[in-house]
């Protein structure tokens, strides 16, 4: 039951599917390094990699303000360079907005 602060940078690739449909879909993948103030998971390493995979739907995709609903799986792991590498898995439901200029 602890909070741990961390900083992460990642490259995100997102692909839209069925862009002419009423409700287009998207898929995404990202990965990058992460540094935390304490070892995550405990007794492993402060430096890890954050890898994510997700997908979802885009409502009002052709308007100036679209709504995104989706699921994202995240895996935090040190990639095996530390003696212990149990990893940490996180499942998230996403609700977001995308705004476009004219």
Protein backbone atom coordinates (compact mmCIF):
# COMPACT_ATOMS: atom_id res chain seq x y z
CA UNK A 1 0.00 0.00 0.00
CA UNK A 2 2.61 2.54 -1.09
CA UNK A 3 2.80 5.25 -3.69
CA UNK A 4 5.97 5.45 -5.76
CA UNK A 5 6.87 8.38 -7.98
CA UNK A 6 8.40 7.59 -11.35
CA UNK A 7 9.27 9.21 -14.64
CA UNK A 8 8.89 7.46 -17.95
CA UNK A 9 9.42 8.18 -21.63
CA UNK A 10 8.00 6.05 -24.41
CA UNK A 11 7.49 5.83 -28.13
CA UNK A 12 3.79 5.30 -28.92
CA UNK A 13 2.54 3.91 -32.23
CA UNK A 14 -1.21 4.15 -32.85
CA UNK A 15 -3.06 2.86 -35.91
CA UNK A 16 -6.68 3.66 -36.75
CA UNK A 17 -8.81 1.01 -38.46
CA UNK A 18 -12.06 1.39 -40.42
CA UNK A 19 -11.65 5.18 -40.52
CA UNK A 20 -14.78 5.63 -42.68
CA UNK A 21 -16.95 3.64 -40.26
CA UNK A 22 -19.35 5.31 -37.86
CA UNK A 23 -17.21 4.14 -34.93
CA UNK A 24 -13.56 3.65 -36.02
CA UNK A 25 -11.26 1.40 -33.99
CA UNK A 26 -7.65 1.92 -32.98
CA UNK A 27 -4.75 -0.20 -31.76
CA UNK A 28 -1.60 1.02 -30.04
CA UNK A 29 1.74 -0.20 -28.74
CA UNK A 30 4.40 1.67 -26.78
CA UNK A 31 7.62 1.02 -24.91
CA UNK A 32 10.31 2.98 -23.13
CA UNK A 33 12.46 3.36 -20.01
CA UNK A 34 11.16 4.20 -16.53
CA UNK A 35 13.02 5.46 -13.43
CA UNK A 36 11.33 5.33 -9.99
CA UNK A 37 12.24 6.67 -6.58
CA UNK A 38 12.05 3.13 -5.13
CA UNK A 39 12.45 -0.37 -6.50
CA UNK A 40 9.44 -1.55 -8.51
CA UNK A 41 8.48 -4.31 -7.78
CA UNK A 42 10.15 -4.39 -4.34
CA UNK A 43 13.66 -5.93 -4.15
CA UNK A 44 14.23 -5.62 -7.92
CA UNK A 45 15.34 -2.41 -9.63
CA UNK A 46 14.62 1.34 -9.82
CA UNK A 47 15.24 1.31 -13.58
CA UNK A 48 12.63 -0.59 -15.60
CA UNK A 49 10.94 -0.70 -18.96
CA UNK A 50 7.29 0.21 -19.42
CA UNK A 51 5.63 -1.65 -22.32
CA UNK A 52 1.97 -1.13 -23.23
CA UNK A 53 -0.53 -2.65 -25.66
CA UNK A 54 -4.08 -1.43 -26.14
CA UNK A 55 -7.04 -0.77 -28.35
CA UNK A 56 -10.44 0.81 -28.42
CA UNK A 57 -13.11 2.78 -30.26
CA UNK A 58 -13.43 6.43 -31.29
CA UNK A 59 -16.83 8.09 -30.98
CA UNK A 60 -17.54 11.24 -33.01
CA UNK A 61 -14.27 10.57 -34.86
CA UNK A 62 -14.96 13.09 -37.61
CA UNK A 63 -15.87 15.98 -35.33
CA UNK A 64 -13.55 18.52 -33.70
CA UNK A 65 -13.89 16.74 -30.33
CA UNK A 66 -13.75 12.93 -30.43
CA UNK A 67 -14.18 10.59 -27.47
CA UNK A 68 -11.92 7.57 -27.05
CA UNK A 69 -12.85 4.46 -25.08
CA UNK A 70 -10.42 1.62 -24.74
CA UNK A 71 -8.38 -0.90 -22.82
CA UNK A 72 -4.63 -0.84 -22.16
CA UNK A 73 -2.35 -3.56 -20.77
CA UNK A 74 0.93 -2.36 -19.23
CA UNK A 75 3.90 -4.49 -18.19
CA UNK A 76 6.69 -3.05 -16.03
CA UNK A 77 9.88 -5.12 -15.99
CA UNK A 78 13.64 -4.63 -15.74
CA UNK A 79 14.18 -6.79 -18.82
CA UNK A 80 16.24 -9.37 -16.94
CA UNK A 81 19.32 -7.21 -16.27
CA UNK A 82 18.76 -7.34 -12.47
CA UNK A 83 18.98 -10.57 -10.41
CA UNK A 84 15.19 -10.60 -9.90
CA UNK A 85 12.65 -9.84 -12.64
CA UNK A 86 9.12 -10.72 -11.46
CA UNK A 87 7.48 -7.88 -13.46
CA UNK A 88 4.28 -6.01 -12.71
CA UNK A 89 1.13 -6.11 -14.87
CA UNK A 90 -1.52 -3.37 -14.92
CA UNK A 91 -4.89 -3.42 -16.72
CA UNK A 92 -6.58 -0.06 -17.44
CA UNK A 93 -9.82 1.16 -18.94
CA UNK A 94 -9.40 4.41 -20.86
CA UNK A 95 -11.72 7.33 -21.42
CA UNK A 96 -10.21 10.25 -23.29
CA UNK A 97 -10.82 13.14 -25.64
CA UNK A 98 -9.08 14.29 -28.79
CA UNK A 99 -9.43 17.90 -29.93
CA UNK A 100 -8.61 19.18 -33.42
CA UNK A 101 -8.29 22.66 -34.80
CA UNK A 102 -10.22 23.70 -37.88
